[in-house]
Amino acid sequence: MDNPFQVITDAFAPEYQINLSIQGLDGSIMLTLSNGGRVVAKRMISAEQRNDPKRLNRLVQSIQFGIAIEQGHCAMAILETMTDGDNRSLPPPPLKRQHRPAIRL
């Protein structure tokens, strides 16, 4: 079985600082991802999730999905990328339009 902490680290390490802290006697841990001093995601991981490779993989994908949505990616494009199984990277999020006041003549 893969080390669950390594799985988490491999999934997020290039882009985010990772903090894993023990939360209780039940074996739950708190995952905090930050970037540039800003918390990007925070998730409680139960011992059951951590010790089941399929559940851990779904948890990692869920976190990645949430981050991508927050960054402005299209939900359908994210789901398509996730279900392709080839771990392609997402295209950059669309540029946000700046509101321009209407000009009346």
N, C-alpha and C. Protein backbone atom coordinates (compact mmCIF):
# COMPACT_ATOMS: atom_id res chain seq x y z
N MET A 1 0.84 -1.19 0.00
CA MET A 1 0.00 0.00 0.00
C MET A 1 0.88 1.25 0.00
N ASP A 2 0.49 2.23 -0.79
CA ASP A 2 1.23 3.49 -0.85
C ASP A 2 1.06 4.25 0.46
N ASN A 3 2.06 5.02 0.78
CA ASN A 3 2.01 5.89 1.96
C ASN A 3 1.01 7.01 1.67
N PRO A 4 -0.08 7.11 2.45
CA PRO A 4 -1.09 8.13 2.17
C PRO A 4 -0.55 9.55 2.24
N PHE A 5 0.40 9.79 3.11
CA PHE A 5 0.98 11.13 3.22
C PHE A 5 1.78 11.48 1.97
N GLN A 6 2.42 10.48 1.39
CA GLN A 6 3.16 10.70 0.15
C GLN A 6 2.21 10.94 -1.02
N VAL A 7 1.08 10.23 -1.04
CA VAL A 7 0.08 10.44 -2.08
C VAL A 7 -0.41 11.89 -2.05
N ILE A 8 -0.72 12.37 -0.87
CA ILE A 8 -1.19 13.76 -0.70
C ILE A 8 -0.10 14.74 -1.13
N THR A 9 1.11 14.50 -0.67
CA THR A 9 2.23 15.38 -1.01
C THR A 9 2.47 15.41 -2.51
N ASP A 10 2.46 14.24 -3.14
CA ASP A 10 2.69 14.18 -4.59
C ASP A 10 1.62 14.92 -5.37
N ALA A 11 0.39 14.90 -4.87
CA ALA A 11 -0.71 15.54 -5.57
C ALA A 11 -0.64 17.07 -5.51
N PHE A 12 -0.10 17.61 -4.42
CA PHE A 12 -0.20 19.06 -4.22
C PHE A 12 1.13 19.80 -4.06
N ALA A 13 2.23 19.08 -3.85
CA ALA A 13 3.50 19.71 -3.50
C ALA A 13 4.03 20.74 -4.49
N PRO A 14 3.93 20.53 -5.78
CA PRO A 14 4.55 21.53 -6.65
C PRO A 14 3.95 22.92 -6.52
N GLU A 15 2.64 23.00 -6.26
CA GLU A 15 1.98 24.30 -6.25
C GLU A 15 1.68 24.85 -4.87
N TYR A 16 1.57 23.99 -3.87
CA TYR A 16 1.08 24.44 -2.56
C TYR A 16 2.00 23.99 -1.43
N GLN A 17 2.00 24.79 -0.37
CA GLN A 17 2.64 24.36 0.86
C GLN A 17 1.62 23.47 1.57
N ILE A 18 2.09 22.35 2.09
CA ILE A 18 1.21 21.36 2.68
C ILE A 18 1.47 21.26 4.17
N ASN A 19 0.39 21.34 4.95
CA ASN A 19 0.50 21.13 6.38
C ASN A 19 -0.48 20.03 6.77
N LEU A 20 0.04 18.97 7.36
CA LEU A 20 -0.77 17.87 7.87
C LEU A 20 -0.60 17.85 9.38
N SER A 21 -1.72 17.94 10.09
CA SER A 21 -1.63 17.93 11.55
C SER A 21 -2.64 16.96 12.13
N ILE A 22 -2.24 16.25 13.16
CA ILE A 22 -3.11 15.29 13.84
C ILE A 22 -4.19 16.06 14.57
N GLN A 23 -5.44 15.60 14.41
CA GLN A 23 -6.57 16.31 15.00
C GLN A 23 -7.19 15.58 16.18
N GLY A 24 -7.07 14.30 16.25
CA GLY A 24 -7.73 13.61 17.35
C GLY A 24 -7.17 12.22 17.57
N LEU A 25 -7.64 11.60 18.63
CA LEU A 25 -7.19 10.26 18.97
C LEU A 25 -7.72 9.23 17.98
N ASP A 26 -8.73 9.60 17.20
CA ASP A 26 -9.30 8.68 16.21
C ASP A 26 -8.43 8.55 14.96
N GLY A 27 -7.35 9.30 14.88
CA GLY A 27 -6.44 9.22 13.74
C GLY A 27 -6.74 10.20 12.64
N SER A 28 -7.70 11.08 12.84
CA SER A 28 -8.02 12.07 11.81
C SER A 28 -6.91 13.11 11.73
N ILE A 29 -6.72 13.63 10.52
CA ILE A 29 -5.71 14.67 10.30
C ILE A 29 -6.34 15.83 9.56
N MET A 30 -5.78 17.01 9.75
CA MET A 30 -6.23 18.20 9.03
C MET A 30 -5.19 18.50 7.96
N LEU A 31 -5.67 18.61 6.72
CA LEU A 31 -4.84 18.99 5.59
C LEU A 31 -5.10 20.45 5.30
N THR A 32 -4.05 21.24 5.29
CA THR A 32 -4.16 22.66 4.92
C THR A 32 -3.21 22.91 3.76
N LEU A 33 -3.75 23.44 2.67
CA LEU A 33 -2.94 23.81 1.51
C LEU A 33 -2.91 25.33 1.44
N SER A 34 -1.72 25.88 1.27
CA SER A 34 -1.61 27.33 1.15
C SER A 34 -0.68 27.67 0.01
N ASN A 35 -0.84 28.90 -0.45
CA ASN A 35 -0.04 29.39 -1.56
C ASN A 35 0.18 30.88 -1.33
N GLY A 36 1.42 31.27 -1.20
CA GLY A 36 1.73 32.68 -0.97
C GLY A 36 1.15 33.20 0.33
N GLY A 37 1.09 32.37 1.36
CA GLY A 37 0.57 32.80 2.65
C GLY A 37 -0.95 32.79 2.73
N ARG A 38 -1.64 32.40 1.67
CA ARG A 38 -3.10 32.35 1.62
C ARG A 38 -3.57 30.91 1.67
N VAL A 39 -4.50 30.60 2.57
CA VAL A 39 -5.04 29.24 2.65
C VAL A 39 -5.93 29.01 1.43
N VAL A 40 -5.63 27.97 0.68
CA VAL A 40 -6.36 27.63 -0.53
C VAL A 40 -7.41 26.57 -0.24
N ALA A 41 -7.07 25.62 0.61
CA ALA A 41 -8.01 24.54 0.95
C ALA A 41 -7.67 24.00 2.33
N LYS A 42 -8.71 23.59 3.02
CA LYS A 42 -8.54 23.00 4.33
C LYS A 42 -9.53 21.85 4.42
N ARG A 43 -9.06 20.66 4.74
CA ARG A 43 -9.93 19.50 4.74
C ARG A 43 -9.54 18.54 5.85
N MET A 44 -10.55 18.05 6.56
CA MET A 44 -10.35 17.02 7.57
C MET A 44 -10.33 15.67 6.85
N ILE A 45 -9.35 14.85 7.17
CA ILE A 45 -9.23 13.53 6.57
C ILE A 45 -9.34 12.50 7.68
N SER A 46 -10.34 11.65 7.58
CA SER A 46 -10.53 10.62 8.59
C SER A 46 -9.49 9.50 8.40
N ALA A 47 -9.30 8.71 9.44
CA ALA A 47 -8.39 7.58 9.35
C ALA A 47 -8.86 6.60 8.27
N GLU A 48 -10.18 6.44 8.15
CA GLU A 48 -10.73 5.53 7.14
C GLU A 48 -10.40 6.01 5.72
N GLN A 49 -10.54 7.31 5.49
CA GLN A 49 -10.21 7.87 4.17
C GLN A 49 -8.72 7.72 3.90
N ARG A 50 -7.93 8.01 4.89
CA ARG A 50 -6.47 7.98 4.74
C ARG A 50 -5.98 6.57 4.44
N ASN A 51 -6.62 5.57 5.01
CA ASN A 51 -6.12 4.20 4.89
C ASN A 51 -6.74 3.40 3.75
N ASP A 52 -7.67 3.99 3.01
CA ASP A 52 -8.29 3.33 1.87
C ASP A 52 -7.84 4.05 0.60
N PRO A 53 -6.99 3.41 -0.21
CA PRO A 53 -6.44 4.09 -1.40
C PRO A 53 -7.51 4.68 -2.33
N LYS A 54 -8.63 4.00 -2.53
CA LYS A 54 -9.67 4.53 -3.40
C LYS A 54 -10.32 5.77 -2.81
N ARG A 55 -10.62 5.71 -1.52
CA ARG A 55 -11.23 6.87 -0.86
C ARG A 55 -10.25 8.04 -0.82
N LEU A 56 -8.97 7.75 -0.60
CA LEU A 56 -7.96 8.81 -0.57
C LEU A 56 -7.85 9.47 -1.94
N ASN A 57 -7.86 8.66 -2.99
CA ASN A 57 -7.79 9.21 -4.34
C ASN A 57 -8.99 10.10 -4.64
N ARG A 58 -10.19 9.67 -4.24
CA ARG A 58 -11.40 10.49 -4.45
C ARG A 58 -11.31 11.79 -3.66
N LEU A 59 -10.76 11.72 -2.46
CA LEU A 59 -10.60 12.92 -1.64
C LEU A 59 -9.65 13.90 -2.32
N VAL A 60 -8.53 13.41 -2.81
CA VAL A 60 -7.56 14.27 -3.50
C VAL A 60 -8.22 14.91 -4.72
N GLN A 61 -8.96 14.12 -5.51
CA GLN A 61 -9.63 14.66 -6.69
C GLN A 61 -10.68 15.70 -6.30
N SER A 62 -11.37 15.45 -5.21
CA SER A 62 -12.38 16.40 -4.73
C SER A 62 -11.74 17.74 -4.37
N ILE A 63 -10.62 17.68 -3.70
CA ILE A 63 -9.90 18.91 -3.33
C ILE A 63 -9.42 19.64 -4.58
N GLN A 64 -8.85 18.88 -5.52
CA GLN A 64 -8.38 19.49 -6.77
C GLN A 64 -9.54 20.12 -7.53
N PHE A 65 -10.69 19.46 -7.55
CA PHE A 65 -11.88 19.98 -8.22
C PHE A 65 -12.31 21.29 -7.57
N GLY A 66 -12.36 21.33 -6.25
CA GLY A 66 -12.76 22.54 -5.54
C GLY A 66 -11.82 23.70 -5.79
N ILE A 67 -10.54 23.43 -5.79
CA ILE A 67 -9.55 24.48 -6.06
C ILE A 67 -9.71 25.00 -7.48
N ALA A 68 -9.88 24.09 -8.43
CA ALA A 68 -10.02 24.51 -9.83
C ALA A 68 -11.26 25.37 -10.03
N ILE A 69 -12.36 25.00 -9.39
CA ILE A 69 -13.58 25.80 -9.49
C ILE A 69 -13.34 27.19 -8.92
N GLU A 70 -12.68 27.26 -7.77
CA GLU A 70 -12.38 28.55 -7.15
C GLU A 70 -11.50 29.41 -8.05
N GLN A 71 -10.65 28.79 -8.85
CA GLN A 71 -9.76 29.53 -9.74
C GLN A 71 -10.46 29.95 -11.04
N GLY A 72 -11.71 29.52 -11.21
CA GLY A 72 -12.47 29.97 -12.37
C GLY A 72 -12.53 29.01 -13.54
N HIS A 73 -12.07 27.78 -13.35
CA HIS A 73 -12.16 26.80 -14.42
C HIS A 73 -13.60 26.35 -14.62
N CYS A 74 -13.92 25.89 -15.80
CA CYS A 74 -15.24 25.37 -16.13
C CYS A 74 -15.40 23.99 -15.51
N ALA A 75 -16.50 23.79 -14.79
CA ALA A 75 -16.73 22.51 -14.10
C ALA A 75 -16.72 21.34 -15.07
N MET A 76 -17.33 21.50 -16.24
CA MET A 76 -17.38 20.41 -17.20
C MET A 76 -15.99 20.05 -17.71
N ALA A 77 -15.15 21.04 -17.96
CA ALA A 77 -13.79 20.77 -18.43
C ALA A 77 -12.99 20.04 -17.35
N ILE A 78 -13.23 20.41 -16.10
CA ILE A 78 -12.52 19.76 -15.00
C ILE A 78 -12.95 18.30 -14.91
N LEU A 79 -14.25 18.06 -14.94
CA LEU A 79 -14.75 16.68 -14.85
C LEU A 79 -14.25 15.84 -16.02
N GLU A 80 -14.20 16.43 -17.20
CA GLU A 80 -13.71 15.70 -18.38
C GLU A 80 -12.25 15.32 -18.18
N THR A 81 -11.46 16.24 -17.68
CA THR A 81 -10.04 15.98 -17.44
C THR A 81 -9.88 14.90 -16.38
N MET A 82 -10.68 14.97 -15.33
CA MET A 82 -10.57 14.00 -14.24
C MET A 82 -10.98 12.60 -14.69
N THR A 83 -11.96 12.49 -15.56
CA THR A 83 -12.44 11.18 -15.97
C THR A 83 -11.65 10.58 -17.12
N ASP A 84 -10.81 11.38 -17.78
CA ASP A 84 -9.96 10.84 -18.84
C ASP A 84 -8.92 9.90 -18.27
N GLY A 85 -8.53 10.12 -17.02
CA GLY A 85 -7.58 9.23 -16.38
C GLY A 85 -6.14 9.44 -16.79
N ASP A 86 -5.87 10.45 -17.60
CA ASP A 86 -4.48 10.66 -18.02
C ASP A 86 -3.80 11.81 -17.28
N ASN A 87 -4.50 12.37 -16.30
CA ASN A 87 -3.94 13.44 -15.44
C ASN A 87 -3.40 14.62 -16.24
N ARG A 88 -4.11 14.97 -17.31
CA ARG A 88 -3.73 16.17 -18.05
C ARG A 88 -3.91 17.37 -17.14
N SER A 89 -3.13 18.40 -17.41
CA SER A 89 -3.33 19.62 -16.63
C SER A 89 -4.44 20.43 -17.28
N LEU A 90 -5.11 21.19 -16.45
CA LEU A 90 -6.21 22.02 -16.94
C LEU A 90 -5.67 23.23 -17.68
N PRO A 91 -6.42 23.71 -18.66
CA PRO A 91 -6.02 24.96 -19.30
C PRO A 91 -6.16 26.10 -18.30
N PRO A 92 -5.51 27.21 -18.53
CA PRO A 92 -5.65 28.32 -17.59
C PRO A 92 -7.10 28.78 -17.50
N PRO A 93 -7.49 29.28 -16.32
CA PRO A 93 -8.88 29.74 -16.19
C PRO A 93 -9.14 30.91 -17.12
N PRO A 94 -10.41 31.10 -17.50
CA PRO A 94 -10.73 32.21 -18.39
C PRO A 94 -10.45 33.55 -17.72
N LEU A 95 -10.10 34.51 -18.54
CA LEU A 95 -9.87 35.85 -18.00
C LEU A 95 -11.19 36.44 -17.56
N LYS A 96 -11.16 37.10 -16.43
CA LYS A 96 -12.38 37.73 -15.94
C LYS A 96 -12.58 39.03 -16.68
N ARG A 97 -13.79 39.21 -17.14
CA ARG A 97 -14.11 40.45 -17.84
C ARG A 97 -14.25 41.57 -16.82
N GLN A 98 -13.68 42.69 -17.17
CA GLN A 98 -13.86 43.87 -16.34
C GLN A 98 -15.10 44.59 -16.82
N HIS A 99 -15.86 45.05 -15.88
CA HIS A 99 -17.10 45.74 -16.23
C HIS A 99 -16.76 47.10 -16.84
N ARG A 100 -17.26 47.31 -18.03
CA ARG A 100 -17.06 48.59 -18.69
C ARG A 100 -18.39 49.32 -18.71
N PRO A 101 -18.39 50.56 -18.27
CA PRO A 101 -19.65 51.30 -18.29
C PRO A 101 -20.13 51.52 -19.72
N ALA A 102 -21.42 51.45 -19.88
CA ALA A 102 -22.00 51.69 -21.21
C ALA A 102 -21.84 53.15 -21.59
N ILE A 103 -21.52 53.37 -22.83
CA ILE A 103 -21.37 54.73 -23.33
C ILE A 103 -22.65 55.08 -24.09
N ARG A 104 -23.28 56.12 -23.64
CA ARG A 104 -24.51 56.54 -24.30
C ARG A 104 -24.23 57.79 -25.12
N LEU A 105 -24.75 57.79 -26.31
CA LEU A 105 -24.56 58.94 -27.19
C LEU A 105 -25.86 59.70 -27.34
